[in-house]
Amino acid sequence: MGYIKGYDSETLREQVDQSECAERLAEIEGQRSLPALLERVWLLKVLDRLDEALTVADESVRVARMAGTRKDVLRSRVLHATILQYRGAYAAADQELATCTTEAEGQGWAGIAAFAHHHRGRNAYEGGDFEIARESFKQSLFLRRETGASDSELESVLLAIEAVEKRRTSNLVAG
């Protein structure tokens, strides 16, 4: 999404221009296509309107199941899991993301698998499981390189790996 200005080095969450995101949300509010629903979920998430985001995420999964492809269903489920993560339901989000990574890898869909691994890493990081976070980010990096991802996509994963290493090191020193 073009709305991401960077990532918070502590939380790994997207940094966005709130007014720009709110304006875009208002533009697409009434649209019911799957791409519009997915964009609305993401915008509601970064605007911290999590109850609405969860409702629209549920709807996007239903729409993808009824009218989309298996890839669409996976993308919708990954985004749904990120809402669970933002709501603090790390175990539920991890279960959903683990299932999505397994299915995407089983189908040979490296791009979707990388996307799911990245979000599984962010969920684990936020939930304090730095081993799973590190493993997921490294798998995402591998898959993104395999698919010829852009430098900016690779950079976001490298920054996430660096953040995990810092956290792991500080926890080992403190522990």
N, C-alpha and C. Protein backbone atom coordinates (compact mmCIF):
# COMPACT_ATOMS: atom_id res chain seq x y z
N MET A 1 0.85 -1.18 0.00
CA MET A 1 0.00 0.00 0.00
C MET A 1 0.89 1.24 0.00
N GLY A 2 0.49 2.24 -0.75
CA GLY A 2 1.26 3.47 -0.83
C GLY A 2 1.13 4.36 0.39
N TYR A 3 0.35 3.95 1.35
CA TYR A 3 0.12 4.79 2.52
C TYR A 3 1.16 4.57 3.61
N ILE A 4 1.98 3.55 3.49
CA ILE A 4 2.97 3.24 4.51
C ILE A 4 4.17 4.17 4.35
N LYS A 5 4.47 4.89 5.43
CA LYS A 5 5.58 5.84 5.42
C LYS A 5 6.84 5.22 6.04
N GLY A 6 6.67 4.11 6.71
CA GLY A 6 7.77 3.43 7.38
C GLY A 6 7.20 2.46 8.39
N TYR A 7 8.10 1.91 9.21
CA TYR A 7 7.69 0.95 10.23
C TYR A 7 8.29 1.37 11.56
N ASP A 8 7.50 1.25 12.61
CA ASP A 8 7.98 1.55 13.95
C ASP A 8 9.02 0.50 14.34
N SER A 9 10.19 0.93 14.75
CA SER A 9 11.27 -0.01 15.05
C SER A 9 11.02 -0.82 16.32
N GLU A 10 10.13 -0.36 17.16
CA GLU A 10 9.81 -1.10 18.39
C GLU A 10 8.66 -2.09 18.21
N THR A 11 7.60 -1.65 17.51
CA THR A 11 6.41 -2.49 17.37
C THR A 11 6.35 -3.21 16.03
N LEU A 12 7.09 -2.72 15.05
CA LEU A 12 7.08 -3.21 13.67
C LEU A 12 5.77 -2.89 12.94
N ARG A 13 4.93 -2.09 13.55
CA ARG A 13 3.67 -1.70 12.90
C ARG A 13 3.92 -0.60 11.89
N GLU A 14 3.02 -0.54 10.91
CA GLU A 14 3.13 0.45 9.86
C GLU A 14 2.97 1.85 10.42
N GLN A 15 3.74 2.78 9.88
CA GLN A 15 3.55 4.20 10.18
C GLN A 15 2.87 4.81 8.97
N VAL A 16 1.74 5.46 9.22
CA VAL A 16 0.94 6.00 8.13
C VAL A 16 0.52 7.42 8.45
N ASP A 17 0.08 8.13 7.42
CA ASP A 17 -0.54 9.43 7.58
C ASP A 17 -2.02 9.15 7.87
N GLN A 18 -2.43 9.39 9.10
CA GLN A 18 -3.80 9.06 9.52
C GLN A 18 -4.86 9.77 8.68
N SER A 19 -4.65 11.04 8.38
CA SER A 19 -5.67 11.77 7.62
C SER A 19 -5.77 11.25 6.19
N GLU A 20 -4.64 10.88 5.60
CA GLU A 20 -4.63 10.32 4.26
C GLU A 20 -5.40 8.99 4.24
N CYS A 21 -5.18 8.17 5.26
CA CYS A 21 -5.87 6.88 5.34
C CYS A 21 -7.37 7.07 5.57
N ALA A 22 -7.73 8.01 6.43
CA ALA A 22 -9.15 8.28 6.69
C ALA A 22 -9.85 8.79 5.43
N GLU A 23 -9.15 9.62 4.68
CA GLU A 23 -9.71 10.15 3.43
C GLU A 23 -9.95 9.02 2.43
N ARG A 24 -8.99 8.11 2.31
CA ARG A 24 -9.13 6.99 1.38
C ARG A 24 -10.27 6.07 1.83
N LEU A 25 -10.36 5.84 3.13
CA LEU A 25 -11.44 5.00 3.65
C LEU A 25 -12.79 5.58 3.28
N ALA A 26 -12.94 6.89 3.41
CA ALA A 26 -14.20 7.54 3.06
C ALA A 26 -14.51 7.37 1.56
N GLU A 27 -13.47 7.39 0.73
CA GLU A 27 -13.67 7.22 -0.72
C GLU A 27 -14.21 5.85 -1.09
N ILE A 28 -13.78 4.81 -0.38
CA ILE A 28 -14.15 3.44 -0.78
C ILE A 28 -15.17 2.81 0.15
N GLU A 29 -15.72 3.57 1.06
CA GLU A 29 -16.62 3.05 2.10
C GLU A 29 -17.74 2.16 1.57
N GLY A 30 -18.36 2.55 0.49
CA GLY A 30 -19.52 1.79 -0.01
C GLY A 30 -19.18 0.66 -0.97
N GLN A 31 -17.92 0.52 -1.34
CA GLN A 31 -17.55 -0.50 -2.33
C GLN A 31 -17.56 -1.89 -1.70
N ARG A 32 -18.00 -2.87 -2.47
CA ARG A 32 -18.13 -4.23 -1.96
C ARG A 32 -17.25 -5.26 -2.67
N SER A 33 -16.42 -4.82 -3.60
CA SER A 33 -15.53 -5.77 -4.28
C SER A 33 -14.51 -6.30 -3.27
N LEU A 34 -13.96 -7.46 -3.54
CA LEU A 34 -12.98 -8.04 -2.62
C LEU A 34 -11.77 -7.13 -2.43
N PRO A 35 -11.18 -6.57 -3.50
CA PRO A 35 -10.04 -5.67 -3.29
C PRO A 35 -10.41 -4.47 -2.40
N ALA A 36 -11.60 -3.93 -2.58
CA ALA A 36 -12.04 -2.79 -1.75
C ALA A 36 -12.23 -3.22 -0.31
N LEU A 37 -12.81 -4.40 -0.10
CA LEU A 37 -12.98 -4.90 1.27
C LEU A 37 -11.64 -5.09 1.96
N LEU A 38 -10.67 -5.68 1.25
CA LEU A 38 -9.35 -5.89 1.84
C LEU A 38 -8.67 -4.57 2.17
N GLU A 39 -8.81 -3.61 1.27
CA GLU A 39 -8.23 -2.29 1.54
C GLU A 39 -8.91 -1.64 2.74
N ARG A 40 -10.22 -1.77 2.83
CA ARG A 40 -10.93 -1.21 3.98
C ARG A 40 -10.46 -1.85 5.29
N VAL A 41 -10.27 -3.17 5.29
CA VAL A 41 -9.78 -3.85 6.49
C VAL A 41 -8.45 -3.24 6.91
N TRP A 42 -7.53 -3.11 5.97
CA TRP A 42 -6.21 -2.58 6.29
C TRP A 42 -6.30 -1.14 6.79
N LEU A 43 -7.08 -0.33 6.11
CA LEU A 43 -7.23 1.07 6.53
C LEU A 43 -7.84 1.17 7.93
N LEU A 44 -8.88 0.40 8.19
CA LEU A 44 -9.49 0.40 9.52
C LEU A 44 -8.49 -0.05 10.58
N LYS A 45 -7.66 -1.03 10.22
CA LYS A 45 -6.65 -1.53 11.16
C LYS A 45 -5.65 -0.44 11.52
N VAL A 46 -5.08 0.22 10.51
CA VAL A 46 -4.06 1.24 10.81
C VAL A 46 -4.67 2.49 11.44
N LEU A 47 -5.98 2.66 11.28
CA LEU A 47 -6.67 3.78 11.95
C LEU A 47 -7.14 3.39 13.36
N ASP A 48 -6.81 2.16 13.77
CA ASP A 48 -7.14 1.63 15.10
C ASP A 48 -8.65 1.56 15.35
N ARG A 49 -9.38 1.23 14.29
CA ARG A 49 -10.83 1.01 14.40
C ARG A 49 -11.05 -0.50 14.27
N LEU A 50 -10.59 -1.21 15.31
CA LEU A 50 -10.44 -2.67 15.23
C LEU A 50 -11.76 -3.43 15.21
N ASP A 51 -12.78 -2.94 15.89
CA ASP A 51 -14.07 -3.64 15.86
C ASP A 51 -14.64 -3.62 14.45
N GLU A 52 -14.58 -2.46 13.80
CA GLU A 52 -15.05 -2.35 12.42
C GLU A 52 -14.18 -3.19 11.50
N ALA A 53 -12.88 -3.16 11.74
CA ALA A 53 -11.94 -3.92 10.90
C ALA A 53 -12.24 -5.41 10.97
N LEU A 54 -12.56 -5.91 12.16
CA LEU A 54 -12.86 -7.33 12.32
C LEU A 54 -14.13 -7.71 11.56
N THR A 55 -15.14 -6.86 11.62
CA THR A 55 -16.39 -7.11 10.91
C THR A 55 -16.14 -7.16 9.40
N VAL A 56 -15.40 -6.20 8.88
CA VAL A 56 -15.12 -6.16 7.44
C VAL A 56 -14.18 -7.32 7.06
N ALA A 57 -13.26 -7.69 7.94
CA ALA A 57 -12.37 -8.82 7.66
C ALA A 57 -13.16 -10.12 7.55
N ASP A 58 -14.12 -10.31 8.46
CA ASP A 58 -14.99 -11.48 8.37
C ASP A 58 -15.74 -11.50 7.04
N GLU A 59 -16.24 -10.33 6.64
CA GLU A 59 -16.97 -10.22 5.37
C GLU A 59 -16.05 -10.53 4.19
N SER A 60 -14.80 -10.05 4.25
CA SER A 60 -13.87 -10.29 3.14
C SER A 60 -13.56 -11.78 2.98
N VAL A 61 -13.45 -12.49 4.09
CA VAL A 61 -13.21 -13.94 4.02
C VAL A 61 -14.42 -14.63 3.39
N ARG A 62 -15.63 -14.23 3.79
CA ARG A 62 -16.84 -14.82 3.20
C ARG A 62 -16.92 -14.55 1.71
N VAL A 63 -16.67 -13.31 1.31
CA VAL A 63 -16.73 -12.95 -0.11
C VAL A 63 -15.68 -13.73 -0.89
N ALA A 64 -14.48 -13.85 -0.35
CA ALA A 64 -13.42 -14.60 -1.03
C ALA A 64 -13.80 -16.06 -1.19
N ARG A 65 -14.42 -16.63 -0.16
CA ARG A 65 -14.84 -18.04 -0.25
C ARG A 65 -15.93 -18.24 -1.29
N MET A 66 -16.84 -17.28 -1.40
CA MET A 66 -17.97 -17.41 -2.32
C MET A 66 -17.58 -17.08 -3.76
N ALA A 67 -16.76 -16.06 -3.95
CA ALA A 67 -16.55 -15.56 -5.31
C ALA A 67 -15.08 -15.44 -5.72
N GLY A 68 -14.17 -15.77 -4.82
CA GLY A 68 -12.76 -15.58 -5.14
C GLY A 68 -12.04 -16.89 -5.40
N THR A 69 -10.75 -16.77 -5.55
CA THR A 69 -9.89 -17.94 -5.75
C THR A 69 -9.36 -18.40 -4.40
N ARG A 70 -8.68 -19.52 -4.39
CA ARG A 70 -8.05 -19.99 -3.14
C ARG A 70 -7.00 -19.00 -2.66
N LYS A 71 -6.32 -18.36 -3.59
CA LYS A 71 -5.33 -17.33 -3.22
C LYS A 71 -6.03 -16.16 -2.53
N ASP A 72 -7.20 -15.77 -3.06
CA ASP A 72 -7.96 -14.68 -2.44
C ASP A 72 -8.36 -15.03 -1.02
N VAL A 73 -8.77 -16.28 -0.82
CA VAL A 73 -9.17 -16.72 0.52
C VAL A 73 -7.97 -16.63 1.46
N LEU A 74 -6.81 -17.07 1.01
CA LEU A 74 -5.62 -17.00 1.87
C LEU A 74 -5.26 -15.56 2.21
N ARG A 75 -5.27 -14.68 1.22
CA ARG A 75 -4.96 -13.27 1.48
C ARG A 75 -5.94 -12.69 2.50
N SER A 76 -7.21 -13.01 2.34
CA SER A 76 -8.23 -12.51 3.27
C SER A 76 -8.01 -13.05 4.68
N ARG A 77 -7.66 -14.32 4.77
CA ARG A 77 -7.43 -14.94 6.08
C ARG A 77 -6.20 -14.35 6.77
N VAL A 78 -5.15 -14.05 6.00
CA VAL A 78 -3.96 -13.43 6.59
C VAL A 78 -4.33 -12.06 7.13
N LEU A 79 -5.05 -11.28 6.37
CA LEU A 79 -5.45 -9.95 6.83
C LEU A 79 -6.36 -10.05 8.05
N HIS A 80 -7.26 -11.02 8.04
CA HIS A 80 -8.13 -11.26 9.20
C HIS A 80 -7.27 -11.55 10.43
N ALA A 81 -6.24 -12.37 10.27
CA ALA A 81 -5.37 -12.71 11.40
C ALA A 81 -4.64 -11.49 11.93
N THR A 82 -4.31 -10.54 11.06
CA THR A 82 -3.63 -9.34 11.55
C THR A 82 -4.55 -8.50 12.45
N ILE A 83 -5.85 -8.57 12.19
CA ILE A 83 -6.79 -7.86 13.07
C ILE A 83 -6.82 -8.55 14.43
N LEU A 84 -6.81 -9.87 14.43
CA LEU A 84 -6.74 -10.60 15.70
C LEU A 84 -5.49 -10.20 16.47
N GLN A 85 -4.37 -10.11 15.75
CA GLN A 85 -3.11 -9.70 16.38
C GLN A 85 -3.25 -8.32 17.01
N TYR A 86 -3.76 -7.36 16.27
CA TYR A 86 -3.89 -6.00 16.78
C TYR A 86 -4.84 -5.95 17.99
N ARG A 87 -5.74 -6.90 18.08
CA ARG A 87 -6.65 -6.97 19.22
C ARG A 87 -6.03 -7.74 20.39
N GLY A 88 -4.80 -8.25 20.20
CA GLY A 88 -4.11 -8.96 21.28
C GLY A 88 -4.39 -10.45 21.34
N ALA A 89 -5.09 -10.99 20.36
CA ALA A 89 -5.40 -12.43 20.32
C ALA A 89 -4.29 -13.15 19.56
N TYR A 90 -3.10 -13.15 20.14
CA TYR A 90 -1.90 -13.66 19.45
C TYR A 90 -1.99 -15.15 19.14
N ALA A 91 -2.53 -15.94 20.04
CA ALA A 91 -2.61 -17.39 19.80
C ALA A 91 -3.55 -17.69 18.62
N ALA A 92 -4.69 -17.03 18.59
CA ALA A 92 -5.64 -17.24 17.48
C ALA A 92 -5.04 -16.77 16.16
N ALA A 93 -4.37 -15.63 16.20
CA ALA A 93 -3.72 -15.11 14.99
C ALA A 93 -2.63 -16.07 14.52
N ASP A 94 -1.84 -16.59 15.45
CA ASP A 94 -0.76 -17.50 15.08
C ASP A 94 -1.31 -18.77 14.45
N GLN A 95 -2.36 -19.30 15.02
CA GLN A 95 -2.98 -20.52 14.46
C GLN A 95 -3.43 -20.28 13.02
N GLU A 96 -4.09 -19.15 12.79
CA GLU A 96 -4.57 -18.82 11.44
C GLU A 96 -3.41 -18.62 10.48
N LEU A 97 -2.39 -17.89 10.93
CA LEU A 97 -1.25 -17.61 10.07
C LEU A 97 -0.43 -18.87 9.77
N ALA A 98 -0.28 -19.74 10.75
CA ALA A 98 0.45 -21.00 10.54
C ALA A 98 -0.27 -21.85 9.49
N THR A 99 -1.59 -21.90 9.58
CA THR A 99 -2.38 -22.65 8.60
C THR A 99 -2.22 -22.04 7.21
N CYS A 100 -2.24 -20.72 7.14
CA CYS A 100 -2.10 -20.04 5.84
C CYS A 100 -0.72 -20.28 5.24
N THR A 101 0.34 -20.21 6.05
CA THR A 101 1.69 -20.45 5.52
C THR A 101 1.80 -21.87 4.98
N THR A 102 1.27 -22.82 5.73
CA THR A 102 1.33 -24.23 5.31
C THR A 102 0.60 -24.44 3.99
N GLU A 103 -0.59 -23.89 3.88
CA GLU A 103 -1.36 -24.06 2.65
C GLU A 103 -0.68 -23.37 1.47
N ALA A 104 -0.19 -22.15 1.67
CA ALA A 104 0.46 -21.43 0.57
C ALA A 104 1.72 -22.16 0.12
N GLU A 105 2.50 -22.64 1.06
CA GLU A 105 3.71 -23.38 0.70
C GLU A 105 3.35 -24.69 -0.01
N GLY A 106 2.32 -25.37 0.47
CA GLY A 106 1.88 -26.62 -0.15
C GLY A 106 1.42 -26.43 -1.58
N GLN A 107 0.87 -25.25 -1.87
CA GLN A 107 0.40 -24.95 -3.23
C GLN A 107 1.52 -24.37 -4.11
N GLY A 108 2.66 -24.07 -3.49
CA GLY A 108 3.76 -23.47 -4.24
C GLY A 108 3.56 -21.98 -4.51
N TRP A 109 2.75 -21.33 -3.69
CA TRP A 109 2.49 -19.90 -3.83
C TRP A 109 3.45 -19.12 -2.95
N ALA A 110 4.67 -18.94 -3.42
CA ALA A 110 5.73 -18.34 -2.61
C ALA A 110 5.41 -16.92 -2.17
N GLY A 111 4.79 -16.13 -3.03
CA GLY A 111 4.47 -14.75 -2.67
C GLY A 111 3.49 -14.67 -1.50
N ILE A 112 2.46 -15.48 -1.54
CA ILE A 112 1.48 -15.50 -0.45
C ILE A 112 2.10 -16.11 0.81
N ALA A 113 2.92 -17.13 0.63
CA ALA A 113 3.60 -17.74 1.78
C ALA A 113 4.51 -16.72 2.46
N ALA A 114 5.23 -15.92 1.66
CA ALA A 114 6.10 -14.89 2.23
C ALA A 114 5.28 -13.86 3.01
N PHE A 115 4.16 -13.46 2.44
CA PHE A 115 3.24 -12.51 3.08
C PHE A 115 2.75 -13.07 4.42
N ALA A 116 2.34 -14.33 4.41
CA ALA A 116 1.83 -14.97 5.63
C ALA A 116 2.94 -15.14 6.67
N HIS A 117 4.12 -15.55 6.24
CA HIS A 117 5.25 -15.69 7.17
C HIS A 117 5.61 -14.35 7.80
N HIS A 118 5.61 -13.30 6.98
CA HIS A 118 5.95 -11.98 7.51
C HIS A 118 4.97 -11.57 8.62
N HIS A 119 3.69 -11.79 8.35
CA HIS A 119 2.69 -11.41 9.36
C HIS A 119 2.72 -12.35 10.57
N ARG A 120 3.07 -13.61 10.35
CA ARG A 120 3.24 -14.51 11.49
C ARG A 120 4.40 -14.04 12.35
N GLY A 121 5.46 -13.58 11.71
CA GLY A 121 6.59 -13.02 12.45
C GLY A 121 6.21 -11.79 13.25
N ARG A 122 5.45 -10.91 12.64
CA ARG A 122 5.01 -9.70 13.37
C ARG A 122 4.12 -10.05 14.55
N ASN A 123 3.24 -11.03 14.34
CA ASN A 123 2.37 -11.47 15.43
C ASN A 123 3.19 -12.06 16.58
N ALA A 124 4.13 -12.93 16.24
CA ALA A 124 4.98 -13.56 17.27
C ALA A 124 5.82 -12.51 17.98
N TYR A 125 6.34 -11.57 17.24
CA TYR A 125 7.15 -10.49 17.82
C TYR A 125 6.33 -9.72 18.85
N GLU A 126 5.14 -9.32 18.46
CA GLU A 126 4.27 -8.57 19.37
C GLU A 126 3.87 -9.41 20.57
N GLY A 127 3.70 -10.71 20.35
CA GLY A 127 3.32 -11.60 21.43
C GLY A 127 4.48 -12.06 22.30
N GLY A 128 5.70 -11.65 21.93
CA GLY A 128 6.87 -11.96 22.74
C GLY A 128 7.55 -13.29 22.43
N ASP A 129 7.15 -13.96 21.35
CA ASP A 129 7.80 -15.21 20.98
C ASP A 129 8.83 -14.92 19.89
N PHE A 130 10.03 -14.56 20.32
CA PHE A 130 11.04 -14.09 19.40
C PHE A 130 11.66 -15.19 18.55
N GLU A 131 11.58 -16.43 19.00
CA GLU A 131 12.09 -17.54 18.19
C GLU A 131 11.21 -17.76 16.96
N ILE A 132 9.90 -17.81 17.17
CA ILE A 132 8.99 -17.96 16.03
C ILE A 132 9.07 -16.72 15.13
N ALA A 133 9.18 -15.55 15.74
CA ALA A 133 9.29 -14.32 14.95
C ALA A 133 10.51 -14.39 14.04
N ARG A 134 11.64 -14.74 14.60
CA ARG A 134 12.89 -14.82 13.83
C ARG A 134 12.77 -15.84 12.70
N GLU A 135 12.26 -17.01 13.03
CA GLU A 135 12.10 -18.08 12.04
C GLU A 135 11.15 -17.64 10.92
N SER A 136 10.05 -17.02 11.28
CA SER A 136 9.06 -16.58 10.28
C SER A 136 9.61 -15.48 9.38
N PHE A 137 10.30 -14.52 9.97
CA PHE A 137 10.88 -13.44 9.17
C PHE A 137 11.95 -13.98 8.21
N LYS A 138 12.76 -14.91 8.70
CA LYS A 138 13.81 -15.47 7.83
C LYS A 138 13.19 -16.25 6.67
N GLN A 139 12.12 -16.98 6.95
CA GLN A 139 11.43 -17.70 5.88
C GLN A 139 10.81 -16.72 4.89
N SER A 140 10.25 -15.64 5.39
CA SER A 140 9.68 -14.61 4.52
C SER A 140 10.77 -14.01 3.63
N LEU A 141 11.92 -13.73 4.21
CA LEU A 141 13.03 -13.17 3.44
C LEU A 141 13.45 -14.13 2.34
N PHE A 142 13.61 -15.40 2.68
CA PHE A 142 13.99 -16.41 1.70
C PHE A 142 12.99 -16.46 0.54
N LEU A 143 11.71 -16.51 0.88
CA LEU A 143 10.67 -16.61 -0.15
C LEU A 143 10.58 -15.33 -0.99
N ARG A 144 10.76 -14.19 -0.35
CA ARG A 144 10.71 -12.93 -1.11
C ARG A 144 11.88 -12.84 -2.08
N ARG A 145 13.05 -13.27 -1.63
CA ARG A 145 14.20 -13.28 -2.54
C ARG A 145 13.93 -14.22 -3.71
N GLU A 146 13.34 -15.37 -3.39
CA GLU A 146 13.03 -16.37 -4.41
C GLU A 146 12.08 -15.83 -5.47
N THR A 147 11.17 -14.96 -5.08
CA THR A 147 10.18 -14.42 -6.01
C THR A 147 10.62 -13.10 -6.64
N GLY A 148 11.83 -12.64 -6.33
CA GLY A 148 12.33 -11.41 -6.93
C GLY A 148 11.68 -10.16 -6.38
N ALA A 149 11.45 -10.14 -5.08
CA ALA A 149 10.81 -9.00 -4.43
C ALA A 149 11.67 -7.73 -4.58
N SER A 150 11.01 -6.60 -4.46
CA SER A 150 11.70 -5.31 -4.57
C SER A 150 12.61 -5.09 -3.36
N ASP A 151 13.54 -4.17 -3.51
CA ASP A 151 14.45 -3.84 -2.42
C ASP A 151 13.70 -3.36 -1.18
N SER A 152 12.63 -2.59 -1.38
CA SER A 152 11.88 -2.07 -0.23
C SER A 152 11.18 -3.20 0.53
N GLU A 153 10.69 -4.21 -0.21
CA GLU A 153 10.06 -5.36 0.45
C GLU A 153 11.10 -6.15 1.24
N LEU A 154 12.27 -6.31 0.65
CA LEU A 154 13.35 -7.02 1.36
C LEU A 154 13.81 -6.22 2.57
N GLU A 155 13.88 -4.90 2.41
CA GLU A 155 14.34 -4.05 3.50
C GLU A 155 13.41 -4.14 4.72
N SER A 156 12.11 -4.20 4.48
CA SER A 156 11.18 -4.27 5.63
C SER A 156 11.38 -5.57 6.41
N VAL A 157 11.69 -6.66 5.70
CA VAL A 157 11.93 -7.93 6.38
C VAL A 157 13.27 -7.89 7.11
N LEU A 158 14.29 -7.31 6.49
CA LEU A 158 15.60 -7.20 7.14
C LEU A 158 15.51 -6.36 8.41
N LEU A 159 14.73 -5.28 8.37
CA LEU A 159 14.54 -4.45 9.56
C LEU A 159 13.82 -5.25 10.66
N ALA A 160 12.87 -6.06 10.27
CA ALA A 160 12.15 -6.89 11.24
C ALA A 160 13.10 -7.90 11.88
N ILE A 161 13.94 -8.53 11.08
CA ILE A 161 14.90 -9.49 11.62
C ILE A 161 15.85 -8.80 12.60
N GLU A 162 16.30 -7.61 12.23
CA GLU A 162 17.18 -6.83 13.11
C GLU A 162 16.49 -6.51 14.44
N ALA A 163 15.22 -6.13 14.38
CA ALA A 163 14.46 -5.81 15.60
C ALA A 163 14.33 -7.05 16.49
N VAL A 164 14.08 -8.20 15.88
CA VAL A 164 13.97 -9.45 16.65
C VAL A 164 15.30 -9.77 17.32
N GLU A 165 16.39 -9.63 16.58
CA GLU A 165 17.71 -9.92 17.15
C GLU A 165 18.00 -9.01 18.34
N LYS A 166 17.65 -7.74 18.23
CA LYS A 166 17.85 -6.80 19.35
C LYS A 166 17.04 -7.24 20.56
N ARG A 167 15.78 -7.61 20.33
CA ARG A 167 14.91 -8.05 21.43
C ARG A 167 15.43 -9.32 22.07
N ARG A 168 15.82 -10.28 21.24
CA ARG A 168 16.33 -11.56 21.75
C ARG A 168 17.58 -11.33 22.59
N THR A 169 18.48 -10.48 22.09
CA THR A 169 19.72 -10.20 22.80
C THR A 169 19.45 -9.51 24.13
N SER A 170 18.56 -8.53 24.12
CA SER A 170 18.26 -7.81 25.36
C SER A 170 17.56 -8.74 26.37
N ASN A 171 16.72 -9.66 25.88
CA ASN A 171 16.07 -10.62 26.78
C ASN A 171 17.07 -11.61 27.35
N LEU A 172 18.04 -12.04 26.54
CA LEU A 172 19.07 -12.97 27.04
C LEU A 172 19.93 -12.30 28.10
N VAL A 173 20.27 -11.03 27.88
CA VAL A 173 21.09 -10.28 28.83
C VAL A 173 20.30 -10.05 30.12
N ALA A 174 19.02 -9.68 29.99
CA ALA A 174 18.17 -9.40 31.16
C ALA A 174 17.82 -10.68 31.91
N GLY A 175 17.71 -11.80 31.19
CA GLY A 175 17.27 -13.05 31.79
C GLY A 175 18.38 -13.74 32.46
